[in-house]
Amino acid sequence: MTNVLLEVNRFSKSFQNHILLENISLQIHPGEICALVGQNGIGKTVFLKCILGFEAFEDGHVSIAGHPLAERESVRRLTAFIPSDGYDICDLLTPEEYFEFIMTVYQLSQTDTLPLIQELVSRLGVESHLKQLIKELSFGTKKKVLLLGTILYDPMLIVCDEIFEGLDQTSVATVIEIFQERAMNKRAVLFTTHLYHLVESVATTVYRVENNQISLVGK
């Protein structure tokens, strides 16, 4: 197993001729739970999309477990992205259909995966929503469904944008437990949040976005 799951070297990104992030370098290793904090509109979401290959950037290099972003099949298998909004791709599916879709795409065994779905559905409290269209679910429930779907194929790195927003206290505690369990299994999580009181309780590494830079705050 590689010792670096995410490597960012000399990354720069501009938006409408304005420098958003400049000359960023960082690494995320197996077992890390990384928080990315900073004011709204400062570039956190854009950074997440860029490092997963969803948005172009001007300069620098990003690799996932040694694979460049151009190796899309490897990047898709090794990573997952839970956005803060914009779930159009799965809005017309029910959670049950979405999980079946994930199982088909990643060729997952029903014998192994169905019991995991049952466990996570119970832990995340989405039993009563399995046959509803995802577009009809609450903001927080949509996030839980997407998180559950990503866990099924067990990516090395889960990237979350404001994952805790819209969740009740019980769900927040469950998501933190899931992050910690994954870290114990040498997986990693990178998440943004404006709920600063959660950072100390869950993050093993904290980065701050400020003045076009991403700086290590604590580890």
C-alpha atoms as a PDB file:
ATOM      1  CA  MET A   1       0.000   0.000   0.000  1.00  0.00           C
ATOM      2  CA  THR A   2       1.302   3.432  -0.901  1.00  0.00           C
ATOM      3  CA  ASN A   3       2.166   5.737   1.982  1.00  0.00           C
ATOM      4  CA  VAL A   4       0.615   8.771   0.271  1.00  0.00           C
ATOM      5  CA  LEU A   5      -3.053   8.724  -0.755  1.00  0.00           C
ATOM      6  CA  LEU A   6      -3.252  12.325  -1.969  1.00  0.00           C
ATOM      7  CA  GLU A   7      -0.248  14.299  -3.172  1.00  0.00           C
ATOM      8  CA  VAL A   8      -0.612  17.905  -4.319  1.00  0.00           C
ATOM      9  CA  ASN A   9       2.464  19.691  -5.673  1.00  0.00           C
ATOM     10  CA  ARG A  10       2.669  23.396  -6.559  1.00  0.00           C
ATOM     11  CA  PHE A  11      -1.047  23.608  -7.293  1.00  0.00           C
ATOM     12  CA  SER A  12      -2.486  26.947  -8.483  1.00  0.00           C
ATOM     13  CA  LYS A  13      -6.031  27.850  -9.466  1.00  0.00           C
ATOM     14  CA  SER A  14      -7.489  31.122 -10.755  1.00  0.00           C
ATOM     15  CA  PHE A  15     -11.082  32.169 -11.290  1.00  0.00           C
ATOM     16  CA  GLN A  16     -12.042  35.012 -13.639  1.00  0.00           C
ATOM     17  CA  ASN A  17      -8.445  36.328 -13.681  1.00  0.00           C
ATOM     18  CA  HIS A  18      -8.353  36.281  -9.881  1.00  0.00           C
ATOM     19  CA  ILE A  19      -5.866  34.008  -8.086  1.00  0.00           C
ATOM     20  CA  LEU A  20      -7.849  31.730  -5.824  1.00  0.00           C
ATOM     21  CA  LEU A  21      -5.101  29.376  -4.626  1.00  0.00           C
ATOM     22  CA  GLU A  22      -1.390  29.630  -5.379  1.00  0.00           C
ATOM     23  CA  ASN A  23       1.537  27.208  -5.157  1.00  0.00           C
ATOM     24  CA  ILE A  24      -0.176  24.712  -2.836  1.00  0.00           C
ATOM     25  CA  SER A  25       1.611  21.528  -1.770  1.00  0.00           C
ATOM     26  CA  LEU A  26       0.286  18.966   0.701  1.00  0.00           C
ATOM     27  CA  GLN A  27       0.000  15.240   1.348  1.00  0.00           C
ATOM     28  CA  ILE A  28      -2.644  13.042   2.935  1.00  0.00           C
ATOM     29  CA  HIS A  29      -1.638   9.624   4.239  1.00  0.00           C
ATOM     30  CA  PRO A  30      -3.522   6.438   5.136  1.00  0.00           C
ATOM     31  CA  GLY A  31      -5.283   6.772   8.477  1.00  0.00           C
ATOM     32  CA  GLU A  32      -5.642  10.563   8.379  1.00  0.00           C
ATOM     33  CA  ILE A  33      -8.874  12.486   8.915  1.00  0.00           C
ATOM     34  CA  CYS A  34      -8.168  15.925   7.481  1.00  0.00           C
ATOM     35  CA  ALA A  35     -10.265  19.045   7.996  1.00  0.00           C
ATOM     36  CA  LEU A  36     -10.059  21.945   5.550  1.00  0.00           C
ATOM     37  CA  VAL A  37     -11.332  25.124   7.189  1.00  0.00           C
ATOM     38  CA  GLY A  38     -11.736  28.720   6.056  1.00  0.00           C
ATOM     39  CA  GLN A  39     -14.291  31.385   5.251  1.00  0.00           C
ATOM     40  CA  ASN A  40     -17.053  30.754   2.726  1.00  0.00           C
ATOM     41  CA  GLY A  41     -16.095  31.621  -0.849  1.00  0.00           C
ATOM     42  CA  ILE A  42     -12.380  31.325  -0.217  1.00  0.00           C
ATOM     43  CA  GLY A  43     -11.855  28.311  -2.470  1.00  0.00           C
ATOM     44  CA  LYS A  44     -12.383  25.171  -0.384  1.00  0.00           C
ATOM     45  CA  THR A  45     -14.990  23.598  -2.670  1.00  0.00           C
ATOM     46  CA  VAL A  46     -13.072  24.491  -5.818  1.00  0.00           C
ATOM     47  CA  PHE A  47      -9.959  22.864  -4.370  1.00  0.00           C
ATOM     48  CA  LEU A  48     -11.837  19.643  -3.648  1.00  0.00           C
ATOM     49  CA  LYS A  49     -13.220  19.488  -7.175  1.00  0.00           C
ATOM     50  CA  CYS A  50      -9.804  20.166  -8.705  1.00  0.00           C
ATOM     51  CA  ILE A  51      -7.934  17.491  -6.758  1.00  0.00           C
ATOM     52  CA  LEU A  52     -10.470  14.885  -7.907  1.00  0.00           C
ATOM     53  CA  GLY A  53     -10.298  15.965 -11.537  1.00  0.00           C
ATOM     54  CA  PHE A  54     -13.781  17.488 -11.747  1.00  0.00           C
ATOM     55  CA  GLU A  55     -12.452  20.972 -12.469  1.00  0.00           C
ATOM     56  CA  ALA A  56      -9.358  22.150 -14.352  1.00  0.00           C
ATOM     57  CA  PHE A  57      -6.486  24.058 -12.735  1.00  0.00           C
ATOM     58  CA  GLU A  58      -3.650  26.100 -14.210  1.00  0.00           C
ATOM     59  CA  ASP A  59      -0.496  24.756 -12.595  1.00  0.00           C
ATOM     60  CA  GLY A  60       0.736  21.880 -10.480  1.00  0.00           C
ATOM     61  CA  HIS A  61       0.362  18.140 -10.182  1.00  0.00           C
ATOM     62  CA  VAL A  62      -2.110  15.983  -8.259  1.00  0.00           C
ATOM     63  CA  SER A  63      -1.924  12.226  -7.779  1.00  0.00           C
ATOM     64  CA  ILE A  64      -4.117   9.715  -5.957  1.00  0.00           C
ATOM     65  CA  ALA A  65      -2.187   6.795  -4.468  1.00  0.00           C
ATOM     66  CA  GLY A  66       0.476   7.401  -7.110  1.00  0.00           C
ATOM     67  CA  HIS A  67      -2.003   7.669 -10.000  1.00  0.00           C
ATOM     68  CA  PRO A  68      -2.237  10.946 -11.965  1.00  0.00           C
ATOM     69  CA  LEU A  69      -5.718  12.415 -12.390  1.00  0.00           C
ATOM     70  CA  ALA A  70      -5.645  11.429 -16.071  1.00  0.00           C
ATOM     71  CA  GLU A  71      -6.017   7.798 -14.998  1.00  0.00           C
ATOM     72  CA  ARG A  72      -9.732   8.267 -14.458  1.00  0.00           C
ATOM     73  CA  GLU A  73     -10.653   4.633 -13.820  1.00  0.00           C
ATOM     74  CA  SER A  74      -8.100   4.344 -11.001  1.00  0.00           C
ATOM     75  CA  VAL A  75      -9.095   7.704  -9.518  1.00  0.00           C
ATOM     76  CA  ARG A  76     -12.793   6.741  -9.549  1.00  0.00           C
ATOM     77  CA  ARG A  77     -12.048   3.482  -7.769  1.00  0.00           C
ATOM     78  CA  LEU A  78      -9.760   5.020  -5.167  1.00  0.00           C
ATOM     79  CA  THR A  79     -11.818   8.115  -4.286  1.00  0.00           C
ATOM     80  CA  ALA A  80     -15.339   9.286  -3.540  1.00  0.00           C
ATOM     81  CA  PHE A  81     -16.816  12.785  -3.448  1.00  0.00           C
ATOM     82  CA  ILE A  82     -19.790  13.872  -1.359  1.00  0.00           C
ATOM     83  CA  PRO A  83     -20.697  17.425  -2.446  1.00  0.00           C
ATOM     84  CA  SER A  84     -22.471  20.005  -0.324  1.00  0.00           C
ATOM     85  CA  ASP A  85     -25.266  20.173  -2.891  1.00  0.00           C
ATOM     86  CA  GLY A  86     -26.042  19.204  -6.491  1.00  0.00           C
ATOM     87  CA  TYR A  87     -27.263  15.615  -6.426  1.00  0.00           C
ATOM     88  CA  ASP A  88     -28.946  15.746  -9.845  1.00  0.00           C
ATOM     89  CA  ILE A  89     -27.235  12.588 -11.067  1.00  0.00           C
ATOM     90  CA  CYS A  90     -29.166  10.459  -8.573  1.00  0.00           C
ATOM     91  CA  ASP A  91     -32.279  12.576  -7.882  1.00  0.00           C
ATOM     92  CA  LEU A  92     -34.608  10.267  -9.837  1.00  0.00           C
ATOM     93  CA  LEU A  93     -33.382   7.132  -8.067  1.00  0.00           C
ATOM     94  CA  THR A  94     -34.473   5.803  -4.709  1.00  0.00           C
ATOM     95  CA  PRO A  95     -31.716   4.983  -2.207  1.00  0.00           C
ATOM     96  CA  GLU A  96     -32.299   1.279  -2.898  1.00  0.00           C
ATOM     97  CA  GLU A  97     -31.821   1.878  -6.639  1.00  0.00           C
ATOM     98  CA  TYR A  98     -28.756   4.021  -5.993  1.00  0.00           C
ATOM     99  CA  PHE A  99     -27.113   1.300  -3.897  1.00  0.00           C
ATOM    100  CA  GLU A 100     -27.915  -1.256  -6.611  1.00  0.00           C
ATOM    101  CA  PHE A 101     -26.334   1.083  -9.171  1.00  0.00           C
ATOM    102  CA  ILE A 102     -23.157   1.313  -7.069  1.00  0.00           C
ATOM    103  CA  MET A 103     -23.050  -2.468  -6.715  1.00  0.00           C
ATOM    104  CA  THR A 104     -23.366  -2.900 -10.477  1.00  0.00           C
ATOM    105  CA  VAL A 105     -20.788  -0.265 -11.463  1.00  0.00           C
ATOM    106  CA  TYR A 106     -18.182  -1.549  -9.020  1.00  0.00           C
ATOM    107  CA  GLN A 107     -19.128  -5.208  -9.513  1.00  0.00           C
ATOM    108  CA  LEU A 108     -19.707  -5.786  -5.818  1.00  0.00           C
ATOM    109  CA  SER A 109     -20.768  -9.135  -4.415  1.00  0.00           C
ATOM    110  CA  GLN A 110     -24.355  -9.160  -3.139  1.00  0.00           C
ATOM    111  CA  THR A 111     -23.353 -11.672  -0.470  1.00  0.00           C
ATOM    112  CA  ASP A 112     -20.875  -9.211   1.045  1.00  0.00           C
ATOM    113  CA  THR A 113     -22.608  -5.934   0.225  1.00  0.00           C
ATOM    114  CA  LEU A 114     -26.264  -6.462   1.183  1.00  0.00           C
ATOM    115  CA  PRO A 115     -25.482  -7.115   4.880  1.00  0.00           C
ATOM    116  CA  LEU A 116     -23.269  -3.996   4.883  1.00  0.00           C
ATOM    117  CA  ILE A 117     -26.119  -1.950   3.426  1.00  0.00           C
ATOM    118  CA  GLN A 118     -28.468  -3.209   6.146  1.00  0.00           C
ATOM    119  CA  GLU A 119     -25.954  -2.321   8.861  1.00  0.00           C
ATOM    120  CA  LEU A 120     -25.267   1.189   7.534  1.00  0.00           C
ATOM    121  CA  VAL A 121     -28.933   1.920   6.807  1.00  0.00           C
ATOM    122  CA  SER A 122     -29.666   1.196  10.459  1.00  0.00           C
ATOM    123  CA  ARG A 123     -26.691   3.145  11.806  1.00  0.00           C
ATOM    124  CA  LEU A 124     -27.437   6.209   9.684  1.00  0.00           C
ATOM    125  CA  GLY A 125     -31.184   6.078  10.283  1.00  0.00           C
ATOM    126  CA  VAL A 126     -32.374   5.989   6.681  1.00  0.00           C
ATOM    127  CA  GLU A 127     -34.566   2.842   6.860  1.00  0.00           C
ATOM    128  CA  SER A 128     -37.798   4.737   6.248  1.00  0.00           C
ATOM    129  CA  HIS A 129     -36.437   6.511   3.149  1.00  0.00           C
ATOM    130  CA  LEU A 130     -35.218   3.586   1.054  1.00  0.00           C
ATOM    131  CA  LYS A 131     -38.108   3.696  -1.424  1.00  0.00           C
ATOM    132  CA  GLN A 132     -38.402   7.489  -1.713  1.00  0.00           C
ATOM    133  CA  LEU A 133     -36.911   9.402  -4.606  1.00  0.00           C
ATOM    134  CA  ILE A 134     -33.641  10.957  -3.520  1.00  0.00           C
ATOM    135  CA  LYS A 135     -34.843  14.369  -4.747  1.00  0.00           C
ATOM    136  CA  GLU A 136     -37.611  14.185  -2.119  1.00  0.00           C
ATOM    137  CA  LEU A 137     -35.242  13.556   0.798  1.00  0.00           C
ATOM    138  CA  SER A 138     -34.048  16.199   3.235  1.00  0.00           C
ATOM    139  CA  PHE A 139     -30.671  17.860   2.757  1.00  0.00           C
ATOM    140  CA  GLY A 140     -29.069  15.816   5.541  1.00  0.00           C
ATOM    141  CA  THR A 141     -30.625  12.502   4.483  1.00  0.00           C
ATOM    142  CA  LYS A 142     -29.283  12.927   0.938  1.00  0.00           C
ATOM    143  CA  LYS A 143     -25.784  13.274   2.365  1.00  0.00           C
ATOM    144  CA  LYS A 144     -26.189  10.140   4.457  1.00  0.00           C
ATOM    145  CA  VAL A 145     -27.381   8.170   1.417  1.00  0.00           C
ATOM    146  CA  LEU A 146     -24.394   9.329  -0.645  1.00  0.00           C
ATOM    147  CA  LEU A 147     -21.978   8.533   2.191  1.00  0.00           C
ATOM    148  CA  LEU A 148     -23.473   5.070   2.536  1.00  0.00           C
ATOM    149  CA  GLY A 149     -23.137   4.483  -1.197  1.00  0.00           C
ATOM    150  CA  THR A 150     -19.466   5.437  -1.193  1.00  0.00           C
ATOM    151  CA  ILE A 151     -18.626   3.141   1.708  1.00  0.00           C
ATOM    152  CA  LEU A 152     -19.955   0.158  -0.243  1.00  0.00           C
ATOM    153  CA  TYR A 153     -17.029   0.157  -2.675  1.00  0.00           C
ATOM    154  CA  ASP A 154     -14.527   1.124   0.029  1.00  0.00           C
ATOM    155  CA  PRO A 155     -12.474   3.920  -1.618  1.00  0.00           C
ATOM    156  CA  MET A 156      -9.099   4.767  -0.107  1.00  0.00           C
ATOM    157  CA  LEU A 157      -9.975   8.474   0.121  1.00  0.00           C
ATOM    158  CA  ILE A 158     -13.404  10.003   0.793  1.00  0.00           C
ATOM    159  CA  VAL A 159     -13.673  13.737   0.113  1.00  0.00           C
ATOM    160  CA  CYS A 160     -16.633  15.550   1.701  1.00  0.00           C
ATOM    161  CA  ASP A 161     -17.825  19.138   1.303  1.00  0.00           C
ATOM    162  CA  GLU A 162     -19.669  20.280   4.455  1.00  0.00           C
ATOM    163  CA  ILE A 163     -20.697  16.720   5.301  1.00  0.00           C
ATOM    164  CA  PHE A 164     -22.036  17.661   8.752  1.00  0.00           C
ATOM    165  CA  GLU A 165     -24.323  20.463   7.579  1.00  0.00           C
ATOM    166  CA  GLY A 166     -27.976  19.464   7.910  1.00  0.00           C
ATOM    167  CA  LEU A 167     -27.309  16.471  10.178  1.00  0.00           C
ATOM    168  CA  ASP A 168     -28.758  16.068  13.663  1.00  0.00           C
ATOM    169  CA  GLN A 169     -26.472  15.346  16.619  1.00  0.00           C
ATOM    170  CA  THR A 170     -26.996  11.591  16.456  1.00  0.00           C
ATOM    171  CA  SER A 171     -26.126  11.487  12.747  1.00  0.00           C
ATOM    172  CA  VAL A 172     -23.074  13.696  13.287  1.00  0.00           C
ATOM    173  CA  ALA A 173     -21.811  11.288  15.935  1.00  0.00           C
ATOM    174  CA  THR A 174     -22.398   8.305  13.625  1.00  0.00           C
ATOM    175  CA  VAL A 175     -20.557   9.927  10.715  1.00  0.00           C
ATOM    176  CA  ILE A 176     -17.621  10.724  13.010  1.00  0.00           C
ATOM    177  CA  GLU A 177     -17.569   7.074  14.124  1.00  0.00           C
ATOM    178  CA  ILE A 178     -17.539   5.940  10.489  1.00  0.00           C
ATOM    179  CA  PHE A 179     -14.648   8.288   9.696  1.00  0.00           C
ATOM    180  CA  GLN A 180     -12.687   6.981  12.681  1.00  0.00           C
ATOM    181  CA  GLU A 181     -13.357   3.357  11.738  1.00  0.00           C
ATOM    182  CA  ARG A 182     -12.118   3.997   8.230  1.00  0.00           C
ATOM    183  CA  ALA A 183      -8.995   5.710   9.548  1.00  0.00           C
ATOM    184  CA  MET A 184      -8.266   2.650  11.684  1.00  0.00           C
ATOM    185  CA  ASN A 185      -8.432   0.591   8.470  1.00  0.00           C
ATOM    186  CA  LYS A 186      -5.841   2.826   6.777  1.00  0.00           C
ATOM    187  CA  ARG A 187      -8.374   4.792   4.750  1.00  0.00           C
ATOM    188  CA  ALA A 188      -8.408   8.605   4.736  1.00  0.00           C
ATOM    189  CA  VAL A 189     -11.007  11.374   4.804  1.00  0.00           C
ATOM    190  CA  LEU A 190     -10.735  15.000   3.704  1.00  0.00           C
ATOM    191  CA  PHE A 191     -13.659  17.213   4.692  1.00  0.00           C
ATOM    192  CA  THR A 192     -14.536  20.887   4.764  1.00  0.00           C
ATOM    193  CA  THR A 193     -16.624  22.379   7.529  1.00  0.00           C
ATOM    194  CA  HIS A 194     -17.660  25.708   8.984  1.00  0.00           C
ATOM    195  CA  LEU A 195     -18.672  23.935  12.221  1.00  0.00           C
ATOM    196  CA  TYR A 196     -15.361  24.565  13.938  1.00  0.00           C
ATOM    197  CA  HIS A 197     -16.348  22.853  17.190  1.00  0.00           C
ATOM    198  CA  LEU A 198     -16.339  19.534  15.311  1.00  0.00           C
ATOM    199  CA  VAL A 199     -12.806  19.891  13.999  1.00  0.00           C
ATOM    200  CA  GLU A 200     -11.045  19.081  17.273  1.00  0.00           C
ATOM    201  CA  SER A 201     -13.272  16.065  17.951  1.00  0.00           C
ATOM    202  CA  VAL A 202     -12.741  14.332  14.613  1.00  0.00           C
ATOM    203  CA  ALA A 203      -9.755  15.686  12.643  1.00  0.00           C
ATOM    204  CA  THR A 204      -6.255  14.313  13.036  1.00  0.00           C
ATOM    205  CA  THR A 205      -4.914  16.986  10.669  1.00  0.00           C
ATOM    206  CA  VAL A 206      -6.212  20.522  10.083  1.00  0.00           C
ATOM    207  CA  TYR A 207      -5.508  22.784   7.115  1.00  0.00           C
ATOM    208  CA  ARG A 208      -6.632  26.416   6.811  1.00  0.00           C
ATOM    209  CA  VAL A 209      -7.396  28.195   3.529  1.00  0.00           C
ATOM    210  CA  GLU A 210      -6.388  31.857   3.809  1.00  0.00           C
ATOM    211  CA  ASN A 211      -4.750  34.491   1.604  1.00  0.00           C
ATOM    212  CA  ASN A 212      -4.593  32.171  -1.428  1.00  0.00           C
ATOM    213  CA  GLN A 213      -2.715  29.563   0.625  1.00  0.00           C
ATOM    214  CA  ILE A 214      -3.500  26.270   2.349  1.00  0.00           C
ATOM    215  CA  SER A 215      -1.501  26.012   5.553  1.00  0.00           C
ATOM    216  CA  LEU A 216      -1.108  23.184   8.045  1.00  0.00           C
ATOM    217  CA  VAL A 217      -2.636  24.317  11.344  1.00  0.00           C
ATOM    218  CA  GLY A 218      -2.303  21.234  13.490  1.00  0.00           C
ATOM    219  CA  LYS A 219      -1.513  17.546  13.427  1.00  0.00           C
END
